[in-house]
Amino acid sequence: MIVKGDVTVLGEDIRFKGKLYAKNSLTIKGYFRGYIQAPGELRISPVAKVEADIEAEKICIEGEMQGNAYASKKIEIAKTARVVADLHTDDLQIESGSHFRGTCVMN
């Protein structure tokens, strides 16, 4: 795990299962399964695979994500993303070319 400024990075070589509570923003580049709570931005990189329930201010999904996502401000799904999830947010952006299966509740 690397901390760059106010962002914690779980590298590509990391496989993590459990509960993760971040103090800052978080970028995941490896595999994660469990629960994540981050007060800032959570970024799931294009090479990442995440199976989790997530709570964050902003969630940017560029890789694979399964589970439930709760963002107090915004969820962004990039064209490289593959998402099977139920989303809860005030603002949702889905880029053309992405794969999304699930529901979205707009607060």
Protein backbone atom coordinates (compact mmCIF):
# COMPACT_ATOMS: atom_id res chain seq x y z
CA MET A 1 0.00 0.00 0.00
CA ILE A 2 1.35 3.40 -1.02
CA VAL A 3 0.21 6.81 0.24
CA LYS A 4 0.64 9.65 -2.27
CA GLY A 5 -0.45 12.95 -0.77
CA ASP A 6 -4.02 12.45 0.29
CA VAL A 7 -4.51 9.29 -1.80
CA THR A 8 -3.85 5.73 -0.65
CA VAL A 9 -3.07 3.25 -3.46
CA LEU A 10 -3.59 -0.52 -3.31
CA GLY A 11 -1.18 -1.71 -6.02
CA GLU A 12 -1.74 -4.23 -8.81
CA ASP A 13 0.06 -6.94 -6.86
CA ILE A 14 -2.29 -6.63 -3.85
CA ARG A 15 -5.12 -9.12 -3.17
CA PHE A 16 -7.15 -8.00 -0.17
CA LYS A 17 -10.24 -9.47 1.51
CA GLY A 18 -11.98 -7.82 4.45
CA LYS A 19 -13.03 -4.37 5.62
CA LEU A 20 -11.11 -1.30 4.56
CA TYR A 21 -11.57 2.11 6.18
CA ALA A 22 -9.54 4.84 4.49
CA LYS A 23 -8.76 8.24 6.02
CA ASN A 24 -8.20 9.77 2.60
CA SER A 25 -9.11 9.12 -0.99
CA LEU A 26 -8.33 5.62 -2.24
CA THR A 27 -7.25 4.09 -5.56
CA ILE A 28 -7.49 0.33 -6.09
CA LYS A 29 -5.34 -1.25 -8.79
CA GLY A 30 -5.44 -4.85 -7.55
CA TYR A 31 -8.15 -7.20 -6.27
CA PHE A 32 -10.40 -6.35 -3.36
CA ARG A 33 -13.32 -8.25 -1.81
CA GLY A 34 -15.33 -7.03 1.18
CA TYR A 35 -16.36 -3.59 2.41
CA ILE A 36 -14.81 -0.18 1.70
CA GLN A 37 -15.46 3.15 3.37
CA ALA A 38 -13.58 6.21 2.12
CA PRO A 39 -14.40 9.83 3.03
CA GLY A 40 -13.16 11.22 -0.29
CA GLU A 41 -12.87 9.69 -3.74
CA LEU A 42 -12.60 5.98 -4.45
CA ARG A 43 -11.09 5.14 -7.84
CA ILE A 44 -11.23 1.61 -9.25
CA SER A 45 -8.52 1.53 -11.93
CA PRO A 46 -8.92 -0.21 -15.32
CA VAL A 47 -6.87 -3.22 -14.13
CA ALA A 48 -8.69 -3.59 -10.80
CA LYS A 49 -11.37 -6.09 -9.78
CA VAL A 50 -13.57 -5.16 -6.82
CA GLU A 51 -16.32 -7.25 -5.22
CA ALA A 52 -17.57 -5.04 -2.41
CA ASP A 53 -20.08 -2.82 -0.75
CA ILE A 54 -18.69 0.69 -1.03
CA GLU A 55 -19.38 3.99 0.74
CA ALA A 56 -17.57 7.11 -0.46
CA GLU A 57 -18.15 10.72 -1.41
CA LYS A 58 -17.29 10.07 -5.07
CA ILE A 59 -16.75 6.74 -6.83
CA CYS A 60 -14.96 6.48 -10.20
CA ILE A 61 -15.15 3.03 -11.76
CA GLU A 62 -12.75 2.26 -14.62
CA GLY A 63 -12.31 -1.50 -13.99
CA GLU A 64 -14.52 -4.35 -12.77
CA MET A 65 -16.92 -3.82 -9.87
CA GLN A 66 -19.62 -6.01 -8.31
CA GLY A 67 -21.69 -5.15 -5.26
CA ASN A 68 -23.42 -2.07 -3.91
CA ALA A 69 -22.12 1.49 -4.18
CA TYR A 70 -23.24 4.45 -2.09
CA ALA A 71 -21.78 7.83 -3.10
CA SER A 72 -22.90 11.01 -1.35
CA LYS A 73 -21.93 13.16 -4.36
CA LYS A 74 -21.28 11.27 -7.62
CA ILE A 75 -20.62 7.94 -9.34
CA GLU A 76 -18.73 7.88 -12.65
CA ILE A 77 -18.60 4.77 -14.84
CA ALA A 78 -15.88 4.95 -17.51
CA LYS A 79 -16.00 3.26 -20.92
CA THR A 80 -13.48 0.66 -19.69
CA ALA A 81 -15.72 -0.33 -16.74
CA ARG A 82 -17.69 -3.55 -16.23
CA VAL A 83 -20.20 -3.00 -13.44
CA VAL A 84 -22.77 -5.35 -11.89
CA ALA A 85 -24.11 -3.34 -8.99
CA ASP A 86 -26.86 -1.43 -7.30
CA LEU A 87 -25.93 2.25 -7.16
CA HIS A 88 -27.13 4.99 -4.80
CA THR A 89 -26.05 8.56 -5.54
CA ASP A 90 -27.10 12.15 -6.25
CA ASP A 91 -25.31 12.28 -9.61
CA LEU A 92 -24.53 9.48 -12.09
CA GLN A 93 -22.33 9.66 -15.19
CA ILE A 94 -22.09 6.63 -17.49
CA GLU A 95 -19.66 6.87 -20.39
CA SER A 96 -20.62 5.37 -23.74
CA GLY A 97 -19.07 1.92 -24.21
CA SER A 98 -19.20 0.92 -20.54
CA HIS A 99 -21.03 -2.19 -19.31
CA PHE A 100 -23.56 -1.63 -16.50
CA ARG A 101 -26.10 -4.10 -15.13
CA GLY A 102 -28.04 -3.24 -12.02
CA THR A 103 -30.19 -0.51 -10.57
CA CYS A 104 -29.64 3.10 -9.66
CA VAL A 105 -31.43 5.08 -6.97
CA MET A 106 -30.97 8.82 -7.37
CA ASN A 107 -31.24 10.58 -4.01
